[in-house]
Amino acid sequence: ETAKFIKVSLDTAERNLSGKGGTRTI
């Protein structure tokens, strides 16, 4: 029952190079 909750994925996002918005990603 616990094993049903496990999920693994490869994700991506673009890095926020502007420094605006306070986040690491766009």
PDB file of all heavy atoms in Angstrom:
ATOM      1  N   GLU A   1       0.831  -1.209   0.000  1.00  0.00           N
ATOM      2  CA  GLU A   1       0.000   0.000   0.000  1.00  0.00           C
ATOM      3  C   GLU A   1       0.864   1.258   0.000  1.00  0.00           C
ATOM      4  O   GLU A   1       0.572   2.230  -0.695  1.00  0.00           O
ATOM      5  CB  GLU A   1      -0.936   0.018   1.223  1.00  0.00           C
ATOM      6  CG  GLU A   1      -2.001  -1.053   1.207  1.00  0.00           C
ATOM      7  CD  GLU A   1      -1.463  -2.433   1.619  1.00  0.00           C
ATOM      8  OE1 GLU A   1      -0.488  -2.512   2.391  1.00  0.00           O
ATOM      9  OE2 GLU A   1      -2.005  -3.433   1.116  1.00  0.00           O
ATOM     10  N   THR A   2       1.933   1.246   0.765  1.00  0.00           N
ATOM     11  CA  THR A   2       2.841   2.396   0.811  1.00  0.00           C
ATOM     12  C   THR A   2       3.595   2.536  -0.499  1.00  0.00           C
ATOM     13  O   THR A   2       3.796   3.647  -0.993  1.00  0.00           O
ATOM     14  CB  THR A   2       3.848   2.245   1.977  1.00  0.00           C
ATOM     15  OG1 THR A   2       3.123   2.175   3.211  1.00  0.00           O
ATOM     16  CG2 THR A   2       4.809   3.407   2.036  1.00  0.00           C
ATOM     17  N   ALA A   3       3.996   1.428  -1.095  1.00  0.00           N
ATOM     18  CA  ALA A   3       4.774   1.461  -2.341  1.00  0.00           C
ATOM     19  C   ALA A   3       4.000   2.121  -3.479  1.00  0.00           C
ATOM     20  O   ALA A   3       4.598   2.673  -4.401  1.00  0.00           O
ATOM     21  CB  ALA A   3       5.200   0.052  -2.730  1.00  0.00           C
ATOM     22  N   LYS A   4       2.667   2.089  -3.413  1.00  0.00           N
ATOM     23  CA  LYS A   4       1.848   2.708  -4.465  1.00  0.00           C
ATOM     24  C   LYS A   4       2.042   4.224  -4.543  1.00  0.00           C
ATOM     25  O   LYS A   4       1.749   4.832  -5.560  1.00  0.00           O
ATOM     26  CB  LYS A   4       0.370   2.392  -4.235  1.00  0.00           C
ATOM     27  CG  LYS A   4       0.023   0.940  -4.437  1.00  0.00           C
ATOM     28  CD  LYS A   4      -1.434   0.687  -4.124  1.00  0.00           C
ATOM     29  CE  LYS A   4      -1.750  -0.797  -4.170  1.00  0.00           C
ATOM     30  NZ  LYS A   4      -3.131  -1.077  -3.766  1.00  0.00           N
ATOM     31  N   PHE A   5       2.512   4.843  -3.464  1.00  0.00           N
ATOM     32  CA  PHE A   5       2.692   6.297  -3.430  1.00  0.00           C
ATOM     33  C   PHE A   5       4.011   6.750  -4.054  1.00  0.00           C
ATOM     34  O   PHE A   5       4.206   7.934  -4.304  1.00  0.00           O
ATOM     35  CB  PHE A   5       2.634   6.809  -1.980  1.00  0.00           C
ATOM     36  CG  PHE A   5       1.269   6.738  -1.380  1.00  0.00           C
ATOM     37  CD1 PHE A   5       0.955   5.743  -0.473  1.00  0.00           C
ATOM     38  CD2 PHE A   5       0.300   7.663  -1.730  1.00  0.00           C
ATOM     39  CE1 PHE A   5      -0.312   5.675   0.093  1.00  0.00           C
ATOM     40  CE2 PHE A   5      -0.971   7.598  -1.179  1.00  0.00           C
ATOM     41  CZ  PHE A   5      -1.279   6.598  -0.263  1.00  0.00           C
ATOM     42  N   ILE A   6       4.937   5.829  -4.294  1.00  0.00           N
ATOM     43  CA  ILE A   6       6.271   6.197  -4.784  1.00  0.00           C
ATOM     44  C   ILE A   6       6.202   6.562  -6.268  1.00  0.00           C
ATOM     45  O   ILE A   6       5.661   5.812  -7.070  1.00  0.00           O
ATOM     46  CB  ILE A   6       7.273   5.050  -4.570  1.00  0.00           C
ATOM     47  CG1 ILE A   6       7.361   4.685  -3.093  1.00  0.00           C
ATOM     48  CG2 ILE A   6       8.642   5.425  -5.129  1.00  0.00           C
ATOM     49  CD1 ILE A   6       8.145   3.417  -2.810  1.00  0.00           C
ATOM     50  N   LYS A   7       6.771   7.729  -6.590  1.00  0.00           N
ATOM     51  CA  LYS A   7       6.863   8.176  -7.981  1.00  0.00           C
ATOM     52  C   LYS A   7       8.227   8.810  -8.198  1.00  0.00           C
ATOM     53  O   LYS A   7       8.725   9.540  -7.343  1.00  0.00           O
ATOM     54  CB  LYS A   7       5.774   9.187  -8.302  1.00  0.00           C
ATOM     55  CG  LYS A   7       4.369   8.612  -8.303  1.00  0.00           C
ATOM     56  CD  LYS A   7       3.362   9.654  -8.713  1.00  0.00           C
ATOM     57  CE  LYS A   7       1.975   9.107  -8.844  1.00  0.00           C
ATOM     58  NZ  LYS A   7       1.406   8.439  -7.756  1.00  0.00           N
ATOM     59  N   VAL A   8       8.847   8.510  -9.348  1.00  0.00           N
ATOM     60  CA  VAL A   8      10.145   9.080  -9.700  1.00  0.00           C
ATOM     61  C   VAL A   8      10.087   9.519 -11.157  1.00  0.00           C
ATOM     62  O   VAL A   8       9.602   8.782 -12.007  1.00  0.00           O
ATOM     63  CB  VAL A   8      11.293   8.056  -9.500  1.00  0.00           C
ATOM     64  CG1 VAL A   8      12.626   8.665  -9.886  1.00  0.00           C
ATOM     65  CG2 VAL A   8      11.327   7.546  -8.072  1.00  0.00           C
ATOM     66  N   SER A   9      10.582  10.733 -11.422  1.00  0.00           N
ATOM     67  CA  SER A   9      10.585  11.237 -12.797  1.00  0.00           C
ATOM     68  C   SER A   9      11.832  12.078 -13.045  1.00  0.00           C
ATOM     69  O   SER A   9      12.460  12.565 -12.103  1.00  0.00           O
ATOM     70  CB  SER A   9       9.334  12.074 -13.067  1.00  0.00           C
ATOM     71  OG  SER A   9       9.315  13.210 -12.225  1.00  0.00           O
ATOM     72  N   LEU A  10      12.176  12.239 -14.314  1.00  0.00           N
ATOM     73  CA  LEU A  10      13.223  13.173 -14.717  1.00  0.00           C
ATOM     74  C   LEU A  10      12.509  14.414 -15.222  1.00  0.00           C
ATOM     75  O   LEU A  10      11.696  14.337 -16.146  1.00  0.00           O
ATOM     76  CB  LEU A  10      14.103  12.587 -15.821  1.00  0.00           C
ATOM     77  CG  LEU A  10      15.166  13.540 -16.370  1.00  0.00           C
ATOM     78  CD1 LEU A  10      16.209  13.873 -15.299  1.00  0.00           C
ATOM     79  CD2 LEU A  10      15.834  12.955 -17.594  1.00  0.00           C
ATOM     80  N   ASP A  11      12.801  15.541 -14.604  1.00  0.00           N
ATOM     81  CA  ASP A  11      12.152  16.804 -14.932  1.00  0.00           C
ATOM     82  C   ASP A  11      13.203  17.823 -15.354  1.00  0.00           C
ATOM     83  O   ASP A  11      14.391  17.654 -15.072  1.00  0.00           O
ATOM     84  CB  ASP A  11      11.393  17.345 -13.718  1.00  0.00           C
ATOM     85  CG  ASP A  11      10.439  16.324 -13.108  1.00  0.00           C
ATOM     86  OD1 ASP A  11      10.005  15.409 -13.831  1.00  0.00           O
ATOM     87  OD2 ASP A  11      10.147  16.439 -11.914  1.00  0.00           O
ATOM     88  N   THR A  12      12.746  18.881 -15.987  1.00  0.00           N
ATOM     89  CA  THR A  12      13.657  19.959 -16.373  1.00  0.00           C
ATOM     90  C   THR A  12      12.932  21.293 -16.296  1.00  0.00           C
ATOM     91  O   THR A  12      11.697  21.356 -16.320  1.00  0.00           O
ATOM     92  CB  THR A  12      14.227  19.746 -17.791  1.00  0.00           C
ATOM     93  OG1 THR A  12      15.240  20.714 -18.038  1.00  0.00           O
ATOM     94  CG2 THR A  12      13.155  19.867 -18.853  1.00  0.00           C
ATOM     95  N   ALA A  13      13.728  22.349 -16.216  1.00  0.00           N
ATOM     96  CA  ALA A  13      13.226  23.722 -16.257  1.00  0.00           C
ATOM     97  C   ALA A  13      14.385  24.598 -16.703  1.00  0.00           C
ATOM     98  O   ALA A  13      15.553  24.218 -16.583  1.00  0.00           O
ATOM     99  CB  ALA A  13      12.710  24.157 -14.897  1.00  0.00           C
ATOM    100  N   GLU A  14      14.070  25.761 -17.227  1.00  0.00           N
ATOM    101  CA  GLU A  14      15.113  26.709 -17.631  1.00  0.00           C
ATOM    102  C   GLU A  14      15.528  27.543 -16.422  1.00  0.00           C
ATOM    103  O   GLU A  14      14.688  28.025 -15.673  1.00  0.00           O
ATOM    104  CB  GLU A  14      14.613  27.630 -18.744  1.00  0.00           C
ATOM    105  CG  GLU A  14      14.584  26.995 -20.098  1.00  0.00           C
ATOM    106  CD  GLU A  14      15.972  26.627 -20.606  1.00  0.00           C
ATOM    107  OE1 GLU A  14      16.918  27.423 -20.480  1.00  0.00           O
ATOM    108  OE2 GLU A  14      16.115  25.510 -21.121  1.00  0.00           O
ATOM    109  N   ARG A  15      16.830  27.708 -16.276  1.00  0.00           N
ATOM    110  CA  ARG A  15      17.373  28.504 -15.168  1.00  0.00           C
ATOM    111  C   ARG A  15      17.034  29.975 -15.377  1.00  0.00           C
ATOM    112  O   ARG A  15      17.130  30.508 -16.469  1.00  0.00           O
ATOM    113  CB  ARG A  15      18.883  28.328 -15.100  1.00  0.00           C
ATOM    114  CG  ARG A  15      19.516  28.957 -13.865  1.00  0.00           C
ATOM    115  CD  ARG A  15      21.009  28.679 -13.799  1.00  0.00           C
ATOM    116  NE  ARG A  15      21.334  27.275 -13.782  1.00  0.00           N
ATOM    117  CZ  ARG A  15      21.322  26.502 -12.695  1.00  0.00           C
ATOM    118  NH1 ARG A  15      20.977  27.002 -11.543  1.00  0.00           N
ATOM    119  NH2 ARG A  15      21.665  25.238 -12.772  1.00  0.00           N
ATOM    120  N   ASN A  16      16.644  30.636 -14.307  1.00  0.00           N
ATOM    121  CA  ASN A  16      16.339  32.065 -14.331  1.00  0.00           C
ATOM    122  C   ASN A  16      17.648  32.836 -14.205  1.00  0.00           C
ATOM    123  O   ASN A  16      18.216  32.942 -13.127  1.00  0.00           O
ATOM    124  CB  ASN A  16      15.388  32.412 -13.182  1.00  0.00           C
ATOM    125  CG  ASN A  16      14.981  33.857 -13.172  1.00  0.00           C
ATOM    126  OD1 ASN A  16      15.446  34.653 -13.990  1.00  0.00           O
ATOM    127  ND2 ASN A  16      14.116  34.216 -12.247  1.00  0.00           N
ATOM    128  N   LEU A  17      18.157  33.364 -15.298  1.00  0.00           N
ATOM    129  CA  LEU A  17      19.420  34.094 -15.299  1.00  0.00           C
ATOM    130  C   LEU A  17      19.240  35.575 -15.006  1.00  0.00           C
ATOM    131  O   LEU A  17      20.199  36.272 -14.705  1.00  0.00           O
ATOM    132  CB  LEU A  17      20.129  33.927 -16.649  1.00  0.00           C
ATOM    133  CG  LEU A  17      20.503  32.498 -17.027  1.00  0.00           C
ATOM    134  CD1 LEU A  17      21.069  32.440 -18.435  1.00  0.00           C
ATOM    135  CD2 LEU A  17      21.496  31.928 -16.030  1.00  0.00           C
ATOM    136  N   SER A  18      17.996  36.076 -15.080  1.00  0.00           N
ATOM    137  CA  SER A  18      17.753  37.506 -14.894  1.00  0.00           C
ATOM    138  C   SER A  18      17.820  37.917 -13.431  1.00  0.00           C
ATOM    139  O   SER A  18      18.067  39.070 -13.127  1.00  0.00           O
ATOM    140  CB  SER A  18      16.382  37.888 -15.457  1.00  0.00           C
ATOM    141  OG  SER A  18      15.348  37.371 -14.630  1.00  0.00           O
ATOM    142  N   GLY A  19      17.577  36.976 -12.519  1.00  0.00           N
ATOM    143  CA  GLY A  19      17.565  37.320 -11.101  1.00  0.00           C
ATOM    144  C   GLY A  19      16.260  37.953 -10.672  1.00  0.00           C
ATOM    145  O   GLY A  19      16.057  38.260  -9.509  1.00  0.00           O
ATOM    146  N   LYS A  20      15.339  38.169 -11.607  1.00  0.00           N
ATOM    147  CA  LYS A  20      14.042  38.765 -11.286  1.00  0.00           C
ATOM    148  C   LYS A  20      13.060  37.672 -10.932  1.00  0.00           C
ATOM    149  O   LYS A  20      13.098  36.577 -11.461  1.00  0.00           O
ATOM    150  CB  LYS A  20      13.516  39.560 -12.480  1.00  0.00           C
ATOM    151  CG  LYS A  20      14.393  40.729 -12.842  1.00  0.00           C
ATOM    152  CD  LYS A  20      13.867  41.435 -14.060  1.00  0.00           C
ATOM    153  CE  LYS A  20      14.831  42.554 -14.438  1.00  0.00           C
ATOM    154  NZ  LYS A  20      14.471  43.169 -15.707  1.00  0.00           N
ATOM    155  N   GLY A  21      12.154  37.988 -10.030  1.00  0.00           N
ATOM    156  CA  GLY A  21      11.117  37.027  -9.659  1.00  0.00           C
ATOM    157  C   GLY A  21      11.496  36.170  -8.476  1.00  0.00           C
ATOM    158  O   GLY A  21      10.661  35.480  -7.927  1.00  0.00           O
ATOM    159  N   GLY A  22      12.762  36.174  -8.073  1.00  0.00           N
ATOM    160  CA  GLY A  22      13.187  35.460  -6.880  1.00  0.00           C
ATOM    161  C   GLY A  22      13.198  33.946  -6.988  1.00  0.00           C
ATOM    162  O   GLY A  22      13.331  33.268  -5.991  1.00  0.00           O
ATOM    163  N   THR A  23      13.030  33.390  -8.193  1.00  0.00           N
ATOM    164  CA  THR A  23      13.058  31.937  -8.322  1.00  0.00           C
ATOM    165  C   THR A  23      14.295  31.507  -9.093  1.00  0.00           C
ATOM    166  O   THR A  23      14.897  32.292  -9.814  1.00  0.00           O
ATOM    167  CB  THR A  23      11.802  31.405  -9.066  1.00  0.00           C
ATOM    168  OG1 THR A  23      11.826  31.913 -10.396  1.00  0.00           O
ATOM    169  CG2 THR A  23      10.530  31.807  -8.367  1.00  0.00           C
ATOM    170  N   ARG A  24      14.654  30.251  -8.936  1.00  0.00           N
ATOM    171  CA  ARG A  24      15.797  29.698  -9.660  1.00  0.00           C
ATOM    172  C   ARG A  24      15.453  29.327 -11.081  1.00  0.00           C
ATOM    173  O   ARG A  24      16.321  29.188 -11.905  1.00  0.00           O
ATOM    174  CB  ARG A  24      16.235  28.383  -9.031  1.00  0.00           C
ATOM    175  CG  ARG A  24      16.979  28.235  -8.096  1.00  0.00           C
ATOM    176  CD  ARG A  24      17.355  26.916  -7.464  1.00  0.00           C
ATOM    177  NE  ARG A  24      16.765  25.694  -7.910  1.00  0.00           N
ATOM    178  CZ  ARG A  24      17.448  24.663  -8.312  1.00  0.00           C
ATOM    179  NH1 ARG A  24      18.737  24.696  -8.356  1.00  0.00           N
ATOM    180  NH2 ARG A  24      16.859  23.565  -8.659  1.00  0.00           N
ATOM    181  N   THR A  25      14.159  29.095 -11.335  1.00  0.00           N
ATOM    182  CA  THR A  25      13.734  28.683 -12.665  1.00  0.00           C
ATOM    183  C   THR A  25      12.759  29.694 -13.252  1.00  0.00           C
ATOM    184  O   THR A  25      12.122  30.453 -12.531  1.00  0.00           O
ATOM    185  CB  THR A  25      13.054  27.298 -12.622  1.00  0.00           C
ATOM    186  OG1 THR A  25      11.914  27.358 -11.772  1.00  0.00           O
ATOM    187  CG2 THR A  25      14.010  26.238 -12.114  1.00  0.00           C
ATOM    188  N   ILE A  26      12.641  29.679 -14.561  1.00  0.00           N
ATOM    189  CA  ILE A  26      11.695  30.552 -15.251  1.00  0.00           C
ATOM    190  C   ILE A  26      10.310  29.915 -15.138  1.00  0.00           C
ATOM    191  O   ILE A  26      10.147  28.736 -15.469  1.00  0.00           O
ATOM    192  CB  ILE A  26      12.087  30.729 -16.731  1.00  0.00           C
ATOM    193  CG1 ILE A  26      13.465  31.382 -16.819  1.00  0.00           C
ATOM    194  CG2 ILE A  26      11.032  31.524 -17.482  1.00  0.00           C
ATOM    195  CD1 ILE A  26      14.034  31.431 -18.220  1.00  0.00           C
TER     196      ILE A  26
END
